[in-house]
Amino acid sequence: MVSEFKLGGFAALVLAVVAAMPLAAQPAHEMDEYQVKAGFLTAFAGFIEWPNGAFAGPADPLAICVLGSDPFGPSLDTVVAGKVIGGRALAVRRISDVRRATGCHMVFVGASEHLRLRAVLTALRDQCVLSVGDTSDFIAEGGIVNLRLENGKVRIDINEDAAKEVHLRVSSRLLQLARNVKR
């Protein structure tokens, strides 16, 4: 079980820094939208509590999976490299079909899956998976966390009811950072 109390300040610091970063349209040395979103995904791992049965064993990594076209490029791999949260290493997997989500603890549903979004989210409800997306209807369709752009910054919306349905507990600290929380 990953607990917010085992983190120290790492995840809180990452999330606070990432949330405050404006996105740059240009200079290459500044972060783009998906570099920021990669930082959010990494930080979310420290603000979600998975039930004990969500992991096959005590040494299993926390798997962050990207479903569909990968908008992150190498950014997500770079951000995740070497990170350990709650005693679990973070790992990235790319999957082309929701049926390959077995063993994923977090699934970023790419915009390429928009036409199948309802079916994807329905399939994920059978697993202890934090679903994350960035389409306008992600929360309304039953997704748990939506990352959206607002005034050049990435904002968080959370569907707390959907999290509870799959037995995930969202930290009150993450709920406080969310712009909108559906209960």
C-alpha atoms as a PDB file:
ATOM      1  CA  MET A   1       0.000   0.000   0.000  1.00  0.00           C
ATOM      2  CA  VAL A   2       1.368   3.422  -0.943  1.00  0.00           C
ATOM      3  CA  SER A   3       0.709   5.939   1.766  1.00  0.00           C
ATOM      4  CA  GLU A   4       0.963   9.708   1.732  1.00  0.00           C
ATOM      5  CA  PHE A   5       2.575   9.521   5.155  1.00  0.00           C
ATOM      6  CA  LYS A   6       5.597   7.555   3.887  1.00  0.00           C
ATOM      7  CA  LEU A   7       6.524  10.156   1.298  1.00  0.00           C
ATOM      8  CA  GLY A   8       8.118  12.886   3.216  1.00  0.00           C
ATOM      9  CA  GLY A   9       7.905  16.072   1.227  1.00  0.00           C
ATOM     10  CA  PHE A  10       9.099  14.768  -2.147  1.00  0.00           C
ATOM     11  CA  ALA A  11       5.744  14.310  -3.862  1.00  0.00           C
ATOM     12  CA  ALA A  12       4.268  17.417  -2.288  1.00  0.00           C
ATOM     13  CA  LEU A  13       7.228  19.460  -3.449  1.00  0.00           C
ATOM     14  CA  VAL A  14       7.114  18.050  -6.988  1.00  0.00           C
ATOM     15  CA  LEU A  15       3.387  18.617  -7.264  1.00  0.00           C
ATOM     16  CA  ALA A  16       3.595  22.163  -5.915  1.00  0.00           C
ATOM     17  CA  VAL A  17       6.452  23.097  -8.257  1.00  0.00           C
ATOM     18  CA  VAL A  18       4.820  21.513 -11.289  1.00  0.00           C
ATOM     19  CA  ALA A  19       1.460  23.130 -10.540  1.00  0.00           C
ATOM     20  CA  ALA A  20       3.049  26.574 -10.420  1.00  0.00           C
ATOM     21  CA  MET A  21       4.951  26.265 -13.687  1.00  0.00           C
ATOM     22  CA  PRO A  22       3.644  28.232 -16.634  1.00  0.00           C
ATOM     23  CA  LEU A  23       3.859  26.447 -19.935  1.00  0.00           C
ATOM     24  CA  ALA A  24       6.075  27.824 -22.622  1.00  0.00           C
ATOM     25  CA  ALA A  25       5.126  27.902 -26.240  1.00  0.00           C
ATOM     26  CA  GLN A  26       8.710  28.343 -27.285  1.00  0.00           C
ATOM     27  CA  PRO A  27      12.116  28.257 -25.668  1.00  0.00           C
ATOM     28  CA  ALA A  28      13.331  24.686 -25.662  1.00  0.00           C
ATOM     29  CA  HIS A  29      14.822  25.013 -22.176  1.00  0.00           C
ATOM     30  CA  GLU A  30      11.363  25.590 -20.679  1.00  0.00           C
ATOM     31  CA  MET A  31       8.890  22.819 -19.996  1.00  0.00           C
ATOM     32  CA  ASP A  32       6.173  21.982 -22.485  1.00  0.00           C
ATOM     33  CA  GLU A  33       2.686  20.735 -21.609  1.00  0.00           C
ATOM     34  CA  TYR A  34       3.549  17.037 -21.535  1.00  0.00           C
ATOM     35  CA  GLN A  35       6.737  17.512 -19.531  1.00  0.00           C
ATOM     36  CA  VAL A  36       4.581  19.203 -16.887  1.00  0.00           C
ATOM     37  CA  LYS A  37       1.957  16.452 -17.120  1.00  0.00           C
ATOM     38  CA  ALA A  38       4.701  13.824 -16.735  1.00  0.00           C
ATOM     39  CA  GLY A  39       5.687  15.543 -13.491  1.00  0.00           C
ATOM     40  CA  PHE A  40       2.089  15.406 -12.325  1.00  0.00           C
ATOM     41  CA  LEU A  41       1.803  11.674 -13.056  1.00  0.00           C
ATOM     42  CA  THR A  42       4.923  10.993 -11.028  1.00  0.00           C
ATOM     43  CA  ALA A  43       3.698  13.113  -8.132  1.00  0.00           C
ATOM     44  CA  PHE A  44       0.233  11.494  -8.156  1.00  0.00           C
ATOM     45  CA  ALA A  45       1.857   8.200  -7.167  1.00  0.00           C
ATOM     46  CA  GLY A  46       2.520   9.701  -3.754  1.00  0.00           C
ATOM     47  CA  PHE A  47      -0.990  11.019  -3.225  1.00  0.00           C
ATOM     48  CA  ILE A  48      -2.962   7.868  -3.972  1.00  0.00           C
ATOM     49  CA  GLU A  49      -3.390   4.924  -1.651  1.00  0.00           C
ATOM     50  CA  TRP A  50      -3.822   1.582  -3.404  1.00  0.00           C
ATOM     51  CA  PRO A  51      -5.290  -1.383  -1.527  1.00  0.00           C
ATOM     52  CA  ASN A  52      -2.878  -4.186  -0.590  1.00  0.00           C
ATOM     53  CA  GLY A  53      -4.201  -6.492  -3.302  1.00  0.00           C
ATOM     54  CA  ALA A  54      -3.335  -4.011  -6.061  1.00  0.00           C
ATOM     55  CA  PHE A  55       0.246  -5.304  -6.157  1.00  0.00           C
ATOM     56  CA  ALA A  56       1.278  -8.898  -6.845  1.00  0.00           C
ATOM     57  CA  GLY A  57       4.147  -8.663  -4.369  1.00  0.00           C
ATOM     58  CA  PRO A  58       5.877  -6.287  -1.952  1.00  0.00           C
ATOM     59  CA  ALA A  59       8.709  -5.535  -4.394  1.00  0.00           C
ATOM     60  CA  ASP A  60       6.515  -4.933  -7.452  1.00  0.00           C
ATOM     61  CA  PRO A  61       6.938  -1.509  -9.034  1.00  0.00           C
ATOM     62  CA  LEU A  62       4.144   0.997  -9.347  1.00  0.00           C
ATOM     63  CA  ALA A  63       3.413   0.872 -13.071  1.00  0.00           C
ATOM     64  CA  ILE A  64       2.418   4.031 -14.913  1.00  0.00           C
ATOM     65  CA  CYS A  65       0.975   3.004 -18.265  1.00  0.00           C
ATOM     66  CA  VAL A  66       0.250   5.149 -21.303  1.00  0.00           C
ATOM     67  CA  LEU A  67      -2.672   3.895 -23.378  1.00  0.00           C
ATOM     68  CA  GLY A  68      -2.848   4.921 -27.030  1.00  0.00           C
ATOM     69  CA  SER A  69      -0.614   7.407 -28.795  1.00  0.00           C
ATOM     70  CA  ASP A  70       2.120   8.593 -26.443  1.00  0.00           C
ATOM     71  CA  PRO A  71       2.137  12.393 -26.151  1.00  0.00           C
ATOM     72  CA  PHE A  72       5.007  12.346 -23.625  1.00  0.00           C
ATOM     73  CA  GLY A  73       7.857  11.165 -25.802  1.00  0.00           C
ATOM     74  CA  PRO A  74      10.873  10.578 -23.538  1.00  0.00           C
ATOM     75  CA  SER A  75       9.639  13.067 -20.888  1.00  0.00           C
ATOM     76  CA  LEU A  76       7.763  10.552 -18.766  1.00  0.00           C
ATOM     77  CA  ASP A  77      10.642   8.052 -18.780  1.00  0.00           C
ATOM     78  CA  THR A  78      13.059  10.814 -17.798  1.00  0.00           C
ATOM     79  CA  VAL A  79      10.888  12.066 -14.926  1.00  0.00           C
ATOM     80  CA  VAL A  80      10.216   8.545 -13.587  1.00  0.00           C
ATOM     81  CA  ALA A  81      13.804   7.252 -13.863  1.00  0.00           C
ATOM     82  CA  GLY A  82      15.107   6.188 -10.476  1.00  0.00           C
ATOM     83  CA  LYS A  83      12.064   7.396  -8.526  1.00  0.00           C
ATOM     84  CA  VAL A  84      10.824   5.369  -5.563  1.00  0.00           C
ATOM     85  CA  ILE A  85       7.603   6.327  -3.798  1.00  0.00           C
ATOM     86  CA  GLY A  86       6.214   4.491  -0.804  1.00  0.00           C
ATOM     87  CA  GLY A  87       9.002   1.926  -1.128  1.00  0.00           C
ATOM     88  CA  ARG A  88       8.084   1.076  -4.726  1.00  0.00           C
ATOM     89  CA  ALA A  89      10.064   1.941  -7.817  1.00  0.00           C
ATOM     90  CA  LEU A  90       8.101   3.682 -10.557  1.00  0.00           C
ATOM     91  CA  ALA A  91       8.017   2.058 -13.983  1.00  0.00           C
ATOM     92  CA  VAL A  92       6.570   3.209 -17.318  1.00  0.00           C
ATOM     93  CA  ARG A  93       4.807   0.955 -19.804  1.00  0.00           C
ATOM     94  CA  ARG A  94       3.138   1.814 -23.085  1.00  0.00           C
ATOM     95  CA  ILE A  95       0.075  -0.202 -24.033  1.00  0.00           C
ATOM     96  CA  SER A  96      -1.987  -0.212 -27.198  1.00  0.00           C
ATOM     97  CA  ASP A  97      -5.099  -1.858 -25.803  1.00  0.00           C
ATOM     98  CA  VAL A  98      -6.903  -1.550 -22.464  1.00  0.00           C
ATOM     99  CA  ARG A  99      -6.806  -5.364 -22.164  1.00  0.00           C
ATOM    100  CA  ARG A 100      -3.041  -4.979 -21.616  1.00  0.00           C
ATOM    101  CA  ALA A 101      -3.614  -2.794 -18.531  1.00  0.00           C
ATOM    102  CA  THR A 102      -3.214  -5.747 -16.181  1.00  0.00           C
ATOM    103  CA  GLY A 103      -0.460  -4.819 -13.758  1.00  0.00           C
ATOM    104  CA  CYS A 104      -0.884  -1.087 -14.373  1.00  0.00           C
ATOM    105  CA  HIS A 105      -1.574   1.059 -11.316  1.00  0.00           C
ATOM    106  CA  MET A 106      -2.015   4.305 -13.188  1.00  0.00           C
ATOM    107  CA  VAL A 107      -3.197   4.564 -16.795  1.00  0.00           C
ATOM    108  CA  PHE A 108      -2.880   7.771 -18.771  1.00  0.00           C
ATOM    109  CA  VAL A 109      -5.551   7.562 -21.467  1.00  0.00           C
ATOM    110  CA  GLY A 110      -4.242   9.440 -24.480  1.00  0.00           C
ATOM    111  CA  ALA A 111      -6.438  11.648 -26.642  1.00  0.00           C
ATOM    112  CA  SER A 112      -6.133   9.045 -29.401  1.00  0.00           C
ATOM    113  CA  GLU A 113      -8.541   6.917 -27.328  1.00  0.00           C
ATOM    114  CA  HIS A 114     -11.235   9.611 -27.268  1.00  0.00           C
ATOM    115  CA  LEU A 115     -13.662   7.697 -29.483  1.00  0.00           C
ATOM    116  CA  ARG A 116     -13.335   4.636 -27.214  1.00  0.00           C
ATOM    117  CA  LEU A 117     -13.118   6.568 -23.946  1.00  0.00           C
ATOM    118  CA  ARG A 118     -16.305   5.211 -22.386  1.00  0.00           C
ATOM    119  CA  ALA A 119     -15.338   1.596 -23.188  1.00  0.00           C
ATOM    120  CA  VAL A 120     -11.777   2.132 -21.899  1.00  0.00           C
ATOM    121  CA  LEU A 121     -12.953   3.631 -18.610  1.00  0.00           C
ATOM    122  CA  THR A 122     -15.561   0.906 -18.179  1.00  0.00           C
ATOM    123  CA  ALA A 123     -12.843  -1.744 -18.612  1.00  0.00           C
ATOM    124  CA  LEU A 124     -10.582   0.002 -16.072  1.00  0.00           C
ATOM    125  CA  ARG A 125     -13.356   0.008 -13.430  1.00  0.00           C
ATOM    126  CA  ASP A 126     -12.683  -3.688 -12.891  1.00  0.00           C
ATOM    127  CA  GLN A 127      -9.157  -2.917 -11.634  1.00  0.00           C
ATOM    128  CA  CYS A 128      -7.530  -0.806  -8.912  1.00  0.00           C
ATOM    129  CA  VAL A 129      -6.250   1.682 -11.485  1.00  0.00           C
ATOM    130  CA  LEU A 130      -5.919   5.445 -11.283  1.00  0.00           C
ATOM    131  CA  SER A 131      -7.203   6.619 -14.659  1.00  0.00           C
ATOM    132  CA  VAL A 132      -5.750   9.923 -15.841  1.00  0.00           C
ATOM    133  CA  GLY A 133      -6.606  11.783 -19.024  1.00  0.00           C
ATOM    134  CA  ASP A 134      -6.635  15.189 -20.604  1.00  0.00           C
ATOM    135  CA  THR A 135      -9.799  15.364 -22.686  1.00  0.00           C
ATOM    136  CA  SER A 136     -12.698  17.684 -21.850  1.00  0.00           C
ATOM    137  CA  ASP A 137     -15.141  14.862 -21.045  1.00  0.00           C
ATOM    138  CA  PHE A 138     -12.756  12.595 -19.119  1.00  0.00           C
ATOM    139  CA  ILE A 139     -14.306  13.149 -15.668  1.00  0.00           C
ATOM    140  CA  ALA A 140     -17.872  13.098 -17.016  1.00  0.00           C
ATOM    141  CA  GLU A 141     -17.211   9.700 -18.629  1.00  0.00           C
ATOM    142  CA  GLY A 142     -15.957   8.245 -15.330  1.00  0.00           C
ATOM    143  CA  GLY A 143     -12.229   9.008 -15.362  1.00  0.00           C
ATOM    144  CA  ILE A 144     -10.571   9.771 -12.029  1.00  0.00           C
ATOM    145  CA  VAL A 145      -8.083  12.579 -12.747  1.00  0.00           C
ATOM    146  CA  ASN A 146      -8.182  15.043 -15.613  1.00  0.00           C
ATOM    147  CA  LEU A 147      -5.248  17.300 -16.476  1.00  0.00           C
ATOM    148  CA  ARG A 148      -6.411  20.343 -18.405  1.00  0.00           C
ATOM    149  CA  LEU A 149      -4.889  23.573 -19.601  1.00  0.00           C
ATOM    150  CA  GLU A 150      -6.183  26.807 -18.140  1.00  0.00           C
ATOM    151  CA  ASN A 151      -4.467  30.122 -18.800  1.00  0.00           C
ATOM    152  CA  GLY A 152      -1.241  28.379 -19.795  1.00  0.00           C
ATOM    153  CA  LYS A 153      -1.094  26.153 -16.699  1.00  0.00           C
ATOM    154  CA  VAL A 154      -2.034  22.543 -16.151  1.00  0.00           C
ATOM    155  CA  ARG A 155      -4.954  22.206 -13.741  1.00  0.00           C
ATOM    156  CA  ILE A 156      -6.314  19.118 -11.983  1.00  0.00           C
ATOM    157  CA  ASP A 157      -9.907  17.901 -11.817  1.00  0.00           C
ATOM    158  CA  ILE A 158     -10.701  14.836  -9.691  1.00  0.00           C
ATOM    159  CA  ASN A 159     -13.633  12.445  -9.704  1.00  0.00           C
ATOM    160  CA  GLU A 160     -13.428  11.215  -6.122  1.00  0.00           C
ATOM    161  CA  ASP A 161     -16.467   8.959  -6.565  1.00  0.00           C
ATOM    162  CA  ALA A 162     -14.776   7.134  -9.447  1.00  0.00           C
ATOM    163  CA  ALA A 163     -11.657   6.653  -7.289  1.00  0.00           C
ATOM    164  CA  LYS A 164     -13.708   5.126  -4.491  1.00  0.00           C
ATOM    165  CA  GLU A 165     -15.409   2.760  -6.960  1.00  0.00           C
ATOM    166  CA  VAL A 166     -12.035   1.167  -7.737  1.00  0.00           C
ATOM    167  CA  HIS A 167     -10.944   1.214  -4.070  1.00  0.00           C
ATOM    168  CA  LEU A 168      -8.401   4.029  -4.369  1.00  0.00           C
ATOM    169  CA  ARG A 169      -8.021   6.679  -1.718  1.00  0.00           C
ATOM    170  CA  VAL A 170      -7.065  10.164  -2.879  1.00  0.00           C
ATOM    171  CA  SER A 171      -5.039  12.184  -0.383  1.00  0.00           C
ATOM    172  CA  SER A 172      -6.772  15.239   1.030  1.00  0.00           C
ATOM    173  CA  ARG A 173      -3.687  17.227  -0.004  1.00  0.00           C
ATOM    174  CA  LEU A 174      -4.244  16.340  -3.656  1.00  0.00           C
ATOM    175  CA  LEU A 175      -7.955  17.090  -3.366  1.00  0.00           C
ATOM    176  CA  GLN A 176      -7.059  20.562  -2.070  1.00  0.00           C
ATOM    177  CA  LEU A 177      -4.909  21.233  -5.154  1.00  0.00           C
ATOM    178  CA  ALA A 178      -7.686  20.221  -7.542  1.00  0.00           C
ATOM    179  CA  ARG A 179      -9.675  22.964  -9.289  1.00  0.00           C
ATOM    180  CA  ASN A 180     -12.782  20.790  -9.368  1.00  0.00           C
ATOM    181  CA  VAL A 181     -13.657  17.726  -7.293  1.00  0.00           C
ATOM    182  CA  LYS A 182     -16.627  15.556  -8.219  1.00  0.00           C
ATOM    183  CA  ARG A 183     -18.095  13.858  -5.159  1.00  0.00           C
END
